[in-house]
Amino acid sequence: ARLSSARTALAREQRRLAAALGSARAAQAA
């Protein structure tokens, strides 16, 4: 259960963070 929950939370956080980082880098480049 902990493995499943941790993997789900990490995957969700990783997707959110990747999107935010991509947007921030694009804004910086602009």
Full PDB file with SEQRES, HELIX, SHEET, SSBOND, CRYST1, ORIGX, SCALE, CONECT and MASTER records, all heavy atoms in Angstrom:
SEQRES   1 A   30  ALA ARG LEU SER SER ALA ARG THR ALA LEU ALA ARG GLU          
SEQRES   2 A   30  GLN ARG ARG LEU ALA ALA ALA LEU GLY SER ALA ARG ALA          
SEQRES   3 A   30  ALA GLN ALA ALA                                              
HELIX    1 AA1 ARG A    2  ALA A   29  1                                  28    
CRYST1    1.000    1.000    1.000  90.00  90.00  90.00 P 1           1          
ORIGX1      1.000000  0.000000  0.000000        0.00000                         
ORIGX2      0.000000  1.000000  0.000000        0.00000                         
ORIGX3      0.000000  0.000000  1.000000        0.00000                         
SCALE1      1.000000  0.000000  0.000000        0.00000                         
SCALE2      0.000000  1.000000  0.000000        0.00000                         
SCALE3      0.000000  0.000000  1.000000        0.00000                         
ATOM      1  N   ALA A   1       0.837  -1.209   0.000  1.00  0.00           N  
ATOM      2  CA  ALA A   1       0.000   0.000   0.000  1.00  0.00           C  
ATOM      3  C   ALA A   1       0.869   1.256   0.000  1.00  0.00           C  
ATOM      4  O   ALA A   1       0.597   2.226  -0.726  1.00  0.00           O  
ATOM      5  CB  ALA A   1      -0.928  -0.002   1.213  1.00  0.00           C  
ATOM      6  N   ARG A   2       1.931   1.242   0.834  1.00  0.00           N  
ATOM      7  CA  ARG A   2       2.818   2.407   0.889  1.00  0.00           C  
ATOM      8  C   ARG A   2       3.538   2.601  -0.436  1.00  0.00           C  
ATOM      9  O   ARG A   2       3.710   3.719  -0.921  1.00  0.00           O  
ATOM     10  CB  ARG A   2       3.826   2.231   2.026  1.00  0.00           C  
ATOM     11  CG  ARG A   2       4.726   3.437   2.227  1.00  0.00           C  
ATOM     12  CD  ARG A   2       5.526   3.350   3.514  1.00  0.00           C  
ATOM     13  NE  ARG A   2       6.434   2.192   3.501  1.00  0.00           N  
ATOM     14  CZ  ARG A   2       6.249   1.094   4.201  1.00  0.00           C  
ATOM     15  NH1 ARG A   2       5.181   0.967   4.983  1.00  0.00           N  
ATOM     16  NH2 ARG A   2       7.123   0.092   4.144  1.00  0.00           N  
ATOM     17  N   LEU A   3       3.958   1.477  -1.031  1.00  0.00           N  
ATOM     18  CA  LEU A   3       4.622   1.544  -2.324  1.00  0.00           C  
ATOM     19  C   LEU A   3       3.714   2.144  -3.383  1.00  0.00           C  
ATOM     20  O   LEU A   3       4.103   3.031  -4.144  1.00  0.00           O  
ATOM     21  CB  LEU A   3       5.069   0.150  -2.740  1.00  0.00           C  
ATOM     22  CG  LEU A   3       5.643   0.006  -4.158  1.00  0.00           C  
ATOM     23  CD1 LEU A   3       6.887   0.847  -4.311  1.00  0.00           C  
ATOM     24  CD2 LEU A   3       5.930  -1.463  -4.476  1.00  0.00           C  
ATOM     25  N   SER A   4       2.480   1.674  -3.430  1.00  0.00           N  
ATOM     26  CA  SER A   4       1.522   2.174  -4.424  1.00  0.00           C  
ATOM     27  C   SER A   4       1.225   3.645  -4.214  1.00  0.00           C  
ATOM     28  O   SER A   4       1.224   4.448  -5.154  1.00  0.00           O  
ATOM     29  CB  SER A   4       0.231   1.362  -4.350  1.00  0.00           C  
ATOM     30  OG  SER A   4      -0.730   1.854  -5.248  1.00  0.00           O  
ATOM     31  N   SER A   5       0.990   4.035  -2.948  1.00  0.00           N  
ATOM     32  CA  SER A   5       0.689   5.431  -2.643  1.00  0.00           C  
ATOM     33  C   SER A   5       1.875   6.336  -2.947  1.00  0.00           C  
ATOM     34  O   SER A   5       1.721   7.421  -3.529  1.00  0.00           O  
ATOM     35  CB  SER A   5       0.293   5.557  -1.170  1.00  0.00           C  
ATOM     36  OG  SER A   5       0.043   6.905  -0.834  1.00  0.00           O  
ATOM     37  N   ALA A   6       3.070   5.894  -2.552  1.00  0.00           N  
ATOM     38  CA  ALA A   6       4.262   6.711  -2.778  1.00  0.00           C  
ATOM     39  C   ALA A   6       4.536   6.871  -4.267  1.00  0.00           C  
ATOM     40  O   ALA A   6       4.877   7.960  -4.735  1.00  0.00           O  
ATOM     41  CB  ALA A   6       5.462   6.079  -2.073  1.00  0.00           C  
ATOM     42  N   ARG A   7       4.384   5.794  -5.015  1.00  0.00           N  
ATOM     43  CA  ARG A   7       4.617   5.885  -6.458  1.00  0.00           C  
ATOM     44  C   ARG A   7       3.625   6.834  -7.122  1.00  0.00           C  
ATOM     45  O   ARG A   7       3.992   7.630  -7.983  1.00  0.00           O  
ATOM     46  CB  ARG A   7       4.512   4.490  -7.084  1.00  0.00           C  
ATOM     47  CG  ARG A   7       5.736   3.617  -6.867  1.00  0.00           C  
ATOM     48  CD  ARG A   7       5.564   2.269  -7.506  1.00  0.00           C  
ATOM     49  NE  ARG A   7       6.792   1.470  -7.429  1.00  0.00           N  
ATOM     50  CZ  ARG A   7       6.888   0.207  -7.808  1.00  0.00           C  
ATOM     51  NH1 ARG A   7       5.818  -0.425  -8.297  1.00  0.00           N  
ATOM     52  NH2 ARG A   7       8.041  -0.445  -7.711  1.00  0.00           N  
ATOM     53  N   THR A   8       2.364   6.757  -6.705  1.00  0.00           N  
ATOM     54  CA  THR A   8       1.344   7.639  -7.278  1.00  0.00           C  
ATOM     55  C   THR A   8       1.641   9.100  -6.959  1.00  0.00           C  
ATOM     56  O   THR A   8       1.578   9.976  -7.828  1.00  0.00           O  
ATOM     57  CB  THR A   8      -0.044   7.260  -6.736  1.00  0.00           C  
ATOM     58  OG1 THR A   8      -0.332   5.902  -7.074  1.00  0.00           O  
ATOM     59  CG2 THR A   8      -1.117   8.168  -7.324  1.00  0.00           C  
ATOM     60  N   ALA A   9       1.977   9.361  -5.674  1.00  0.00           N  
ATOM     61  CA  ALA A   9       2.259  10.732  -5.264  1.00  0.00           C  
ATOM     62  C   ALA A   9       3.497  11.278  -5.958  1.00  0.00           C  
ATOM     63  O   ALA A   9       3.519  12.428  -6.436  1.00  0.00           O  
ATOM     64  CB  ALA A   9       2.436  10.798  -3.743  1.00  0.00           C  
ATOM     65  N   LEU A  10       4.537  10.453  -6.050  1.00  0.00           N  
ATOM     66  CA  LEU A  10       5.762  10.904  -6.707  1.00  0.00           C  
ATOM     67  C   LEU A  10       5.548  11.153  -8.191  1.00  0.00           C  
ATOM     68  O   LEU A  10       6.062  12.122  -8.752  1.00  0.00           O  
ATOM     69  CB  LEU A  10       6.874   9.879  -6.500  1.00  0.00           C  
ATOM     70  CG  LEU A  10       7.568   9.895  -5.130  1.00  0.00           C  
ATOM     71  CD1 LEU A  10       8.563   8.749  -5.024  1.00  0.00           C  
ATOM     72  CD2 LEU A  10       8.269  11.226  -4.890  1.00  0.00           C  
ATOM     73  N   ALA A  11       4.792  10.287  -8.829  1.00  0.00           N  
ATOM     74  CA  ALA A  11       4.510  10.471 -10.256  1.00  0.00           C  
ATOM     75  C   ALA A  11       3.714  11.752 -10.501  1.00  0.00           C  
ATOM     76  O   ALA A  11       3.994  12.513 -11.435  1.00  0.00           O  
ATOM     77  CB  ALA A  11       3.747   9.259 -10.798  1.00  0.00           C  
ATOM     78  N   ARG A  12       2.722  11.989  -9.633  1.00  0.00           N  
ATOM     79  CA  ARG A  12       1.924  13.212  -9.765  1.00  0.00           C  
ATOM     80  C   ARG A  12       2.779  14.456  -9.534  1.00  0.00           C  
ATOM     81  O   ARG A  12       2.699  15.435 -10.286  1.00  0.00           O  
ATOM     82  CB  ARG A  12       0.763  13.162  -8.776  1.00  0.00           C  
ATOM     83  CG  ARG A  12      -0.166  14.372  -8.875  1.00  0.00           C  
ATOM     84  CD  ARG A  12      -1.413  14.182  -8.037  1.00  0.00           C  
ATOM     85  NE  ARG A  12      -1.102  13.935  -6.628  1.00  0.00           N  
ATOM     86  CZ  ARG A  12      -1.271  12.777  -6.022  1.00  0.00           C  
ATOM     87  NH1 ARG A  12      -1.742  11.729  -6.676  1.00  0.00           N  
ATOM     88  NH2 ARG A  12      -0.969  12.637  -4.733  1.00  0.00           N  
ATOM     89  N   GLU A  13       3.607  14.426  -8.500  1.00  0.00           N  
ATOM     90  CA  GLU A  13       4.476  15.568  -8.202  1.00  0.00           C  
ATOM     91  C   GLU A  13       5.509  15.781  -9.302  1.00  0.00           C  
ATOM     92  O   GLU A  13       5.825  16.903  -9.669  1.00  0.00           O  
ATOM     93  CB  GLU A  13       5.179  15.342  -6.860  1.00  0.00           C  
ATOM     94  CG  GLU A  13       6.112  16.459  -6.434  1.00  0.00           C  
ATOM     95  CD  GLU A  13       5.397  17.756  -6.118  1.00  0.00           C  
ATOM     96  OE1 GLU A  13       4.144  17.747  -6.051  1.00  0.00           O  
ATOM     97  OE2 GLU A  13       6.075  18.775  -5.950  1.00  0.00           O  
ATOM     98  N   GLN A  14       6.002  14.675  -9.844  1.00  0.00           N  
ATOM     99  CA  GLN A  14       6.985  14.783 -10.911  1.00  0.00           C  
ATOM    100  C   GLN A  14       6.374  15.413 -12.158  1.00  0.00           C  
ATOM    101  O   GLN A  14       6.997  16.260 -12.809  1.00  0.00           O  
ATOM    102  CB  GLN A  14       7.555  13.404 -11.248  1.00  0.00           C  
ATOM    103  CG  GLN A  14       8.751  13.444 -12.192  1.00  0.00           C  
ATOM    104  CD  GLN A  14       9.420  12.099 -12.318  1.00  0.00           C  
ATOM    105  OE1 GLN A  14       8.856  11.078 -11.922  1.00  0.00           O  
ATOM    106  NE2 GLN A  14      10.621  12.073 -12.858  1.00  0.00           N  
ATOM    107  N   ARG A  15       5.162  15.022 -12.495  1.00  0.00           N  
ATOM    108  CA  ARG A  15       4.490  15.624 -13.660  1.00  0.00           C  
ATOM    109  C   ARG A  15       4.243  17.110 -13.436  1.00  0.00           C  
ATOM    110  O   ARG A  15       4.471  17.937 -14.323  1.00  0.00           O  
ATOM    111  CB  ARG A  15       3.173  14.897 -13.936  1.00  0.00           C  
ATOM    112  CG  ARG A  15       3.329  13.488 -14.509  1.00  0.00           C  
ATOM    113  CD  ARG A  15       2.008  12.972 -15.046  1.00  0.00           C  
ATOM    114  NE  ARG A  15       0.998  12.888 -14.005  1.00  0.00           N  
ATOM    115  CZ  ARG A  15       0.790  11.813 -13.256  1.00  0.00           C  
ATOM    116  NH1 ARG A  15       1.550  10.739 -13.411  1.00  0.00           N  
ATOM    117  NH2 ARG A  15      -0.171  11.799 -12.342  1.00  0.00           N  
ATOM    118  N   ARG A  16       3.759  17.465 -12.229  1.00  0.00           N  
ATOM    119  CA  ARG A  16       3.485  18.879 -11.931  1.00  0.00           C  
ATOM    120  C   ARG A  16       4.758  19.706 -11.954  1.00  0.00           C  
ATOM    121  O   ARG A  16       4.802  20.804 -12.513  1.00  0.00           O  
ATOM    122  CB  ARG A  16       2.820  18.991 -10.563  1.00  0.00           C  
ATOM    123  CG  ARG A  16       2.317  20.394 -10.229  1.00  0.00           C  
ATOM    124  CD  ARG A  16       1.961  20.512  -8.763  1.00  0.00           C  
ATOM    125  NE  ARG A  16       3.158  20.416  -7.939  1.00  0.00           N  
ATOM    126  CZ  ARG A  16       3.969  21.433  -7.709  1.00  0.00           C  
ATOM    127  NH1 ARG A  16       3.747  22.602  -8.253  1.00  0.00           N  
ATOM    128  NH2 ARG A  16       5.033  21.276  -6.944  1.00  0.00           N  
ATOM    129  N   LEU A  17       5.795  19.141 -11.368  1.00  0.00           N  
ATOM    130  CA  LEU A  17       7.063  19.858 -11.306  1.00  0.00           C  
ATOM    131  C   LEU A  17       7.688  20.010 -12.691  1.00  0.00           C  
ATOM    132  O   LEU A  17       8.231  21.063 -13.031  1.00  0.00           O  
ATOM    133  CB  LEU A  17       8.017  19.116 -10.372  1.00  0.00           C  
ATOM    134  CG  LEU A  17       9.316  19.827 -10.004  1.00  0.00           C  
ATOM    135  CD1 LEU A  17       9.025  21.149  -9.321  1.00  0.00           C  
ATOM    136  CD2 LEU A  17      10.153  18.947  -9.098  1.00  0.00           C  
ATOM    137  N   ALA A  18       7.595  18.972 -13.495  1.00  0.00           N  
ATOM    138  CA  ALA A  18       8.144  19.042 -14.855  1.00  0.00           C  
ATOM    139  C   ALA A  18       7.422  20.100 -15.677  1.00  0.00           C  
ATOM    140  O   ALA A  18       8.052  20.855 -16.429  1.00  0.00           O  
ATOM    141  CB  ALA A  18       8.039  17.671 -15.527  1.00  0.00           C  
ATOM    142  N   ALA A  19       6.092  20.168 -15.526  1.00  0.00           N  
ATOM    143  CA  ALA A  19       5.320  21.183 -16.261  1.00  0.00           C  
ATOM    144  C   ALA A  19       5.689  22.584 -15.793  1.00  0.00           C  
ATOM    145  O   ALA A  19       5.884  23.503 -16.603  1.00  0.00           O  
ATOM    146  CB  ALA A  19       3.826  20.933 -16.070  1.00  0.00           C  
ATOM    147  N   ALA A  20       5.790  22.769 -14.468  1.00  0.00           N  
ATOM    148  CA  ALA A  20       6.134  24.082 -13.930  1.00  0.00           C  
ATOM    149  C   ALA A  20       7.542  24.495 -14.336  1.00  0.00           C  
ATOM    150  O   ALA A  20       7.793  25.654 -14.696  1.00  0.00           O  
ATOM    151  CB  ALA A  20       6.006  24.075 -12.404  1.00  0.00           C  
ATOM    152  N   LEU A  21       8.467  23.547 -14.296  1.00  0.00           N  
ATOM    153  CA  LEU A  21       9.845  23.853 -14.670  1.00  0.00           C  
ATOM    154  C   LEU A  21       9.956  24.175 -16.151  1.00  0.00           C  
ATOM    155  O   LEU A  21      10.668  25.104 -16.554  1.00  0.00           O  
ATOM    156  CB  LEU A  21      10.750  22.671 -14.307  1.00  0.00           C  
ATOM    157  CG  LEU A  21      12.256  22.865 -14.471  1.00  0.00           C  
ATOM    158  CD1 LEU A  21      12.729  24.080 -13.683  1.00  0.00           C  
ATOM    159  CD2 LEU A  21      13.010  21.626 -14.022  1.00  0.00           C  
ATOM    160  N   GLY A  22       9.228  23.423 -16.969  1.00  0.00           N  
ATOM    161  CA  GLY A  22       9.233  23.725 -18.401  1.00  0.00           C  
ATOM    162  C   GLY A  22       8.671  25.101 -18.696  1.00  0.00           C  
ATOM    163  O   GLY A  22       9.219  25.848 -19.515  1.00  0.00           O  
ATOM    164  N   SER A  23       7.581  25.443 -18.012  1.00  0.00           N  
ATOM    165  CA  SER A  23       6.981  26.763 -18.205  1.00  0.00           C  
ATOM    166  C   SER A  23       7.923  27.868 -17.734  1.00  0.00           C  
ATOM    167  O   SER A  23       8.068  28.903 -18.395  1.00  0.00           O  
ATOM    168  CB  SER A  23       5.661  26.831 -17.432  1.00  0.00           C  
ATOM    169  OG  SER A  23       5.091  28.115 -17.518  1.00  0.00           O  
ATOM    170  N   ALA A  24       8.580  27.642 -16.588  1.00  0.00           N  
ATOM    171  CA  ALA A  24       9.489  28.648 -16.057  1.00  0.00           C  
ATOM    172  C   ALA A  24      10.693  28.847 -16.970  1.00  0.00           C  
ATOM    173  O   ALA A  24      11.143  29.978 -17.199  1.00  0.00           O  
ATOM    174  CB  ALA A  24       9.949  28.257 -14.652  1.00  0.00           C  
ATOM    175  N   ARG A  25      11.215  27.758 -17.491  1.00  0.00           N  
ATOM    176  CA  ARG A  25      12.358  27.883 -18.405  1.00  0.00           C  
ATOM    177  C   ARG A  25      11.960  28.568 -19.704  1.00  0.00           C  
ATOM    178  O   ARG A  25      12.739  29.348 -20.270  1.00  0.00           O  
ATOM    179  CB  ARG A  25      12.928  26.489 -18.691  1.00  0.00           C  
ATOM    180  CG  ARG A  25      13.748  25.927 -17.529  1.00  0.00           C  
ATOM    181  CD  ARG A  25      14.174  24.504 -17.776  1.00  0.00           C  
ATOM    182  NE  ARG A  25      15.065  24.022 -16.722  1.00  0.00           N  
ATOM    183  CZ  ARG A  25      15.372  22.754 -16.516  1.00  0.00           C  
ATOM    184  NH1 ARG A  25      14.826  21.814 -17.294  1.00  0.00           N  
ATOM    185  NH2 ARG A  25      16.194  22.404 -15.550  1.00  0.00           N  
ATOM    186  N   ALA A  26      10.761  28.282 -20.189  1.00  0.00           N  
ATOM    187  CA  ALA A  26      10.278  28.955 -21.397  1.00  0.00           C  
ATOM    188  C   ALA A  26      10.111  30.447 -21.151  1.00  0.00           C  
ATOM    189  O   ALA A  26      10.461  31.274 -22.007  1.00  0.00           O  
ATOM    190  CB  ALA A  26       8.955  28.340 -21.841  1.00  0.00           C  
ATOM    191  N   ALA A  27       9.577  30.809 -19.969  1.00  0.00           N  
ATOM    192  CA  ALA A  27       9.418  32.222 -19.631  1.00  0.00           C  
ATOM    193  C   ALA A  27      10.772  32.909 -19.534  1.00  0.00           C  
ATOM    194  O   ALA A  27      10.949  34.040 -20.007  1.00  0.00           O  
ATOM    195  CB  ALA A  27       8.661  32.362 -18.314  1.00  0.00           C  
ATOM    196  N   GLN A  28      11.743  32.235 -18.950  1.00  0.00           N  
ATOM    197  CA  GLN A  28      13.080  32.813 -18.842  1.00  0.00           C  
ATOM    198  C   GLN A  28      13.692  33.014 -20.231  1.00  0.00           C  
ATOM    199  O   GLN A  28      14.297  34.057 -20.513  1.00  0.00           O  
ATOM    200  CB  GLN A  28      13.978  31.917 -17.993  1.00  0.00           C  
ATOM    201  CG  GLN A  28      15.407  32.454 -17.851  1.00  0.00           C  
ATOM    202  CD  GLN A  28      16.287  31.550 -17.019  1.00  0.00           C  
ATOM    203  OE1 GLN A  28      15.788  30.753 -16.237  1.00  0.00           O  
ATOM    204  NE2 GLN A  28      17.591  31.657 -17.184  1.00  0.00           N  
ATOM    205  N   ALA A  29      13.532  32.015 -21.098  1.00  0.00           N  
ATOM    206  CA  ALA A  29      14.072  32.128 -22.458  1.00  0.00           C  
ATOM    207  C   ALA A  29      13.414  33.280 -23.208  1.00  0.00           C  
ATOM    208  O   ALA A  29      14.082  34.025 -23.945  1.00  0.00           O  
ATOM    209  CB  ALA A  29      13.868  30.815 -23.208  1.00  0.00           C  
ATOM    210  N   ALA A  30      12.095  33.444 -23.029  1.00  0.00           N  
ATOM    211  CA  ALA A  30      11.386  34.539 -23.692  1.00  0.00           C  
ATOM    212  C   ALA A  30      11.893  35.888 -23.189  1.00  0.00           C  
ATOM    213  O   ALA A  30      12.077  36.832 -23.970  1.00  0.00           O  
ATOM    214  CB  ALA A  30       9.882  34.419 -23.452  1.00  0.00           C  
TER     215      ALA A  30                                                      
MASTER        0    0    0    1    0    0    0    6  214    1    0    3          
END                                                                             
